[in-house]
C-alpha cells in the first residue's frame, strides 16, 4: 500500500472490479499497482512523510488564540436566583 495525494479528479479500481472516484487534493492509501499508475500518469504524488499540522496560532472568528491562552479554563459564572413577583 502507498499513500498518494491526487493532483486531479480521476476514477480508478484497486481490485479490477469496483471503480472509485478519487478527488483532487485528497490523500488516499491505495494498492501499489494503482498508485504506480496514478503517479506514472502524473495524476498523483506519493506522500512520503506523515502530515502533521501544529499551528502556533489558531484564528477563530477573527480572534487570535495562542496555545498559552487555551491551557487554563475560565471559571464558570454562578447564576443568582431571582424572585419574580
N, C-alpha and C. Protein backbone atom coordinates (compact mmCIF):
# COMPACT_ATOMS: atom_id res chain seq x y z
N UNK A 1 0.84 -1.18 0.00
CA UNK A 1 0.00 0.00 0.00
C UNK A 1 0.89 1.25 0.00
N UNK A 2 0.46 2.24 -0.75
CA UNK A 2 1.15 3.52 -0.81
C UNK A 2 0.14 4.62 -0.53
N UNK A 3 0.65 5.73 0.02
CA UNK A 3 -0.18 6.92 0.22
C UNK A 3 0.10 7.87 -0.92
N UNK A 4 -0.99 8.40 -1.49
CA UNK A 4 -0.85 9.36 -2.58
C UNK A 4 -1.75 10.57 -2.32
N UNK A 5 -1.40 11.69 -2.94
CA UNK A 5 -2.25 12.88 -2.94
C UNK A 5 -2.60 13.14 -4.40
N UNK A 6 -3.90 13.17 -4.68
CA UNK A 6 -4.37 13.33 -6.05
C UNK A 6 -4.11 14.75 -6.57
N UNK A 7 -3.65 14.85 -7.82
CA UNK A 7 -3.43 16.13 -8.49
C UNK A 7 -4.66 16.54 -9.29
N UNK A 8 -5.47 15.54 -9.70
CA UNK A 8 -6.69 15.78 -10.47
C UNK A 8 -7.77 14.82 -9.98
N UNK A 9 -9.01 15.07 -10.36
CA UNK A 9 -10.07 14.09 -10.12
C UNK A 9 -9.88 12.96 -11.13
N UNK A 10 -9.92 11.72 -10.65
CA UNK A 10 -9.70 10.58 -11.53
C UNK A 10 -10.39 9.35 -10.96
N UNK A 11 -10.93 8.52 -11.83
CA UNK A 11 -11.51 7.26 -11.41
C UNK A 11 -10.46 6.17 -11.50
N UNK A 12 -10.59 5.16 -10.64
CA UNK A 12 -9.65 4.04 -10.67
C UNK A 12 -10.22 2.87 -9.90
N UNK A 13 -9.62 1.69 -10.12
CA UNK A 13 -10.07 0.47 -9.46
C UNK A 13 -8.89 -0.23 -8.83
N UNK A 14 -9.00 -0.51 -7.55
CA UNK A 14 -7.92 -1.21 -6.84
C UNK A 14 -8.01 -2.73 -7.02
N UNK A 15 -9.24 -3.23 -7.24
CA UNK A 15 -9.42 -4.68 -7.35
C UNK A 15 -9.76 -5.14 -8.77
N UNK A 16 -9.84 -4.22 -9.72
CA UNK A 16 -10.17 -4.57 -11.09
C UNK A 16 -11.66 -4.71 -11.34
N UNK A 17 -12.48 -4.51 -10.32
CA UNK A 17 -13.93 -4.65 -10.45
C UNK A 17 -14.64 -3.37 -10.04
N UNK A 18 -14.39 -2.91 -8.82
CA UNK A 18 -15.07 -1.75 -8.27
C UNK A 18 -14.33 -0.47 -8.65
N UNK A 19 -15.05 0.46 -9.28
CA UNK A 19 -14.46 1.74 -9.69
C UNK A 19 -14.80 2.78 -8.64
N UNK A 20 -13.79 3.55 -8.24
CA UNK A 20 -13.96 4.57 -7.22
C UNK A 20 -13.50 5.91 -7.78
N UNK A 21 -14.14 6.98 -7.34
CA UNK A 21 -13.75 8.34 -7.73
C UNK A 21 -12.72 8.86 -6.73
N UNK A 22 -11.57 9.28 -7.21
CA UNK A 22 -10.52 9.86 -6.38
C UNK A 22 -10.51 11.36 -6.65
N UNK A 23 -10.60 12.16 -5.59
CA UNK A 23 -10.76 13.61 -5.70
C UNK A 23 -9.42 14.35 -5.59
N UNK A 24 -9.30 15.43 -6.36
CA UNK A 24 -8.11 16.28 -6.35
C UNK A 24 -7.84 16.82 -4.94
N UNK A 25 -6.58 16.73 -4.49
CA UNK A 25 -6.18 17.27 -3.20
C UNK A 25 -6.33 16.30 -2.04
N UNK A 26 -7.09 15.23 -2.22
CA UNK A 26 -7.31 14.26 -1.15
C UNK A 26 -6.15 13.27 -1.08
N UNK A 27 -5.91 12.73 0.12
CA UNK A 27 -4.87 11.73 0.33
C UNK A 27 -5.54 10.38 0.49
N UNK A 28 -5.01 9.37 -0.23
CA UNK A 28 -5.57 8.02 -0.20
C UNK A 28 -4.45 7.02 0.05
N UNK A 29 -4.79 5.93 0.71
CA UNK A 29 -3.90 4.78 0.86
C UNK A 29 -4.44 3.72 -0.09
N UNK A 30 -3.68 3.45 -1.17
CA UNK A 30 -4.16 2.54 -2.20
C UNK A 30 -3.10 1.49 -2.53
N UNK A 31 -3.49 0.51 -3.34
CA UNK A 31 -2.56 -0.56 -3.71
C UNK A 31 -1.37 0.01 -4.47
N UNK A 32 -0.23 -0.66 -4.35
CA UNK A 32 1.00 -0.21 -5.04
C UNK A 32 0.78 -0.13 -6.54
N UNK A 33 0.05 -1.10 -7.09
CA UNK A 33 -0.16 -1.14 -8.54
C UNK A 33 -0.93 0.09 -9.04
N UNK A 34 -2.03 0.42 -8.38
CA UNK A 34 -2.81 1.59 -8.79
C UNK A 34 -2.04 2.87 -8.51
N UNK A 35 -1.33 2.92 -7.39
CA UNK A 35 -0.52 4.11 -7.06
C UNK A 35 0.54 4.35 -8.13
N UNK A 36 1.17 3.28 -8.60
CA UNK A 36 2.19 3.43 -9.65
C UNK A 36 1.59 3.99 -10.94
N UNK A 37 0.37 3.58 -11.28
CA UNK A 37 -0.31 4.11 -12.47
C UNK A 37 -0.61 5.60 -12.27
N UNK A 38 -1.22 5.97 -11.12
CA UNK A 38 -1.56 7.37 -10.86
C UNK A 38 -0.31 8.25 -10.87
N UNK A 39 0.75 7.78 -10.24
CA UNK A 39 2.00 8.56 -10.17
C UNK A 39 2.64 8.63 -11.55
N UNK A 40 2.66 7.51 -12.26
CA UNK A 40 3.26 7.46 -13.60
C UNK A 40 2.55 8.35 -14.60
N UNK A 41 1.25 8.49 -14.48
CA UNK A 41 0.47 9.35 -15.37
C UNK A 41 0.46 10.81 -14.89
N UNK A 42 1.14 11.08 -13.77
CA UNK A 42 1.21 12.42 -13.18
C UNK A 42 -0.16 12.89 -12.69
N UNK A 43 -1.00 11.94 -12.29
CA UNK A 43 -2.32 12.25 -11.73
C UNK A 43 -2.24 12.40 -10.21
N UNK A 44 -1.13 11.92 -9.61
CA UNK A 44 -0.98 11.94 -8.15
C UNK A 44 0.49 12.03 -7.79
N UNK A 45 0.73 12.43 -6.55
CA UNK A 45 2.09 12.44 -5.98
C UNK A 45 2.12 11.51 -4.79
N UNK A 46 3.24 10.82 -4.60
CA UNK A 46 3.36 9.94 -3.44
C UNK A 46 3.59 10.78 -2.19
N UNK A 47 2.92 10.40 -1.12
CA UNK A 47 3.08 11.06 0.18
C UNK A 47 4.07 10.21 0.96
N UNK A 48 5.25 10.78 1.24
CA UNK A 48 6.29 10.00 1.91
C UNK A 48 6.42 10.32 3.38
N UNK A 49 6.00 11.51 3.79
CA UNK A 49 6.09 11.89 5.20
C UNK A 49 4.69 12.04 5.78
N UNK A 50 4.52 11.68 7.04
CA UNK A 50 3.19 11.86 7.65
C UNK A 50 2.85 13.34 7.76
N UNK A 51 1.58 13.64 7.55
CA UNK A 51 1.13 15.02 7.66
C UNK A 51 0.88 15.37 9.12
N UNK A 52 1.58 16.40 9.61
CA UNK A 52 1.40 16.86 10.98
C UNK A 52 1.12 18.35 10.93
N UNK A 53 -0.02 18.72 11.45
CA UNK A 53 -0.38 20.14 11.49
C UNK A 53 -0.30 20.61 12.93
N UNK A 54 0.63 21.50 13.20
CA UNK A 54 0.79 22.04 14.55
C UNK A 54 0.86 23.56 14.46
N UNK A 55 -0.27 24.20 14.32
CA UNK A 55 -0.25 25.66 14.20
C UNK A 55 0.15 26.32 15.52
N UNK A 56 0.94 27.35 15.42
CA UNK A 56 1.32 28.11 16.60
C UNK A 56 0.19 29.03 17.05
N UNK A 57 -0.54 29.54 16.09
CA UNK A 57 -1.66 30.43 16.41
C UNK A 57 -2.87 29.96 15.60
N UNK A 58 -3.99 29.82 16.27
CA UNK A 58 -5.22 29.41 15.62
C UNK A 58 -6.14 30.62 15.56
N UNK A 59 -6.67 30.91 14.37
CA UNK A 59 -7.57 32.05 14.23
C UNK A 59 -9.00 31.55 14.25
N UNK A 60 -9.79 32.06 15.20
CA UNK A 60 -11.18 31.67 15.33
C UNK A 60 -12.02 32.94 15.36
N UNK A 61 -12.90 33.07 14.39
CA UNK A 61 -13.78 34.24 14.31
C UNK A 61 -13.00 35.54 14.46
N UNK A 62 -11.91 35.67 13.74
CA UNK A 62 -11.05 36.85 13.74
C UNK A 62 -10.43 37.15 15.09
N UNK A 63 -10.44 36.19 16.02
CA UNK A 63 -9.79 36.35 17.32
C UNK A 63 -8.61 35.40 17.36
N UNK A 64 -7.44 35.92 17.66
CA UNK A 64 -6.27 35.06 17.72
C UNK A 64 -6.19 34.35 19.07
N UNK A 65 -5.99 33.05 19.02
CA UNK A 65 -5.87 32.26 20.23
C UNK A 65 -4.51 31.58 20.21
N UNK A 66 -3.72 31.83 21.22
CA UNK A 66 -2.41 31.20 21.33
C UNK A 66 -2.52 29.97 22.22
N UNK A 67 -1.56 29.02 22.12
CA UNK A 67 -1.61 27.84 22.98
C UNK A 67 -1.65 28.18 24.46
N UNK A 68 -0.99 29.27 24.86
CA UNK A 68 -0.98 29.67 26.27
C UNK A 68 -2.38 30.09 26.73
N UNK A 69 -3.15 30.67 25.83
CA UNK A 69 -4.48 31.17 26.20
C UNK A 69 -5.49 30.05 26.40
N UNK A 70 -5.22 28.88 25.85
CA UNK A 70 -6.20 27.80 25.97
C UNK A 70 -5.81 26.74 26.99
N UNK A 71 -4.71 26.95 27.71
CA UNK A 71 -4.28 25.95 28.69
C UNK A 71 -5.08 26.00 29.97
N UNK A 72 -5.59 27.16 30.34
CA UNK A 72 -6.30 27.31 31.59
C UNK A 72 -7.76 27.63 31.33
N UNK A 73 -8.69 26.77 31.77
CA UNK A 73 -10.10 27.05 31.53
C UNK A 73 -10.59 28.22 32.40
N UNK A 74 -11.56 28.94 31.88
CA UNK A 74 -12.14 30.05 32.63
C UNK A 74 -13.11 29.51 33.68
N UNK A 75 -13.29 30.29 34.75
CA UNK A 75 -14.23 29.89 35.79
C UNK A 75 -15.65 30.06 35.27
N UNK A 76 -16.52 29.14 35.68
CA UNK A 76 -17.93 29.26 35.32
C UNK A 76 -18.60 30.25 36.25
N UNK A 77 -19.49 31.04 35.68
CA UNK A 77 -20.23 32.01 36.48
C UNK A 77 -21.43 31.32 37.10
N UNK A 78 -21.69 31.64 38.36
CA UNK A 78 -22.86 31.07 39.03
C UNK A 78 -24.04 32.00 38.78
N UNK A 79 -25.19 31.39 38.54
CA UNK A 79 -26.40 32.18 38.34
C UNK A 79 -27.05 32.43 39.68
N UNK A 80 -27.52 33.66 39.84
CA UNK A 80 -28.23 34.02 41.07
C UNK A 80 -29.72 33.75 40.89
N UNK A 81 -30.32 33.29 41.94
CA UNK A 81 -31.75 33.02 41.92
C UNK A 81 -32.48 34.34 42.17
N UNK A 82 -33.40 34.67 41.27
CA UNK A 82 -34.14 35.91 41.39
C UNK A 82 -35.61 35.59 41.56
N UNK A 83 -36.22 36.22 42.58
CA UNK A 83 -37.66 36.05 42.80
C UNK A 83 -38.42 37.04 41.94
N UNK A 84 -39.38 36.52 41.20
CA UNK A 84 -40.20 37.37 40.35
C UNK A 84 -41.62 37.37 40.94
N UNK A 85 -42.12 38.55 41.33
CA UNK A 85 -43.46 38.64 41.92
C UNK A 85 -44.47 39.05 40.93
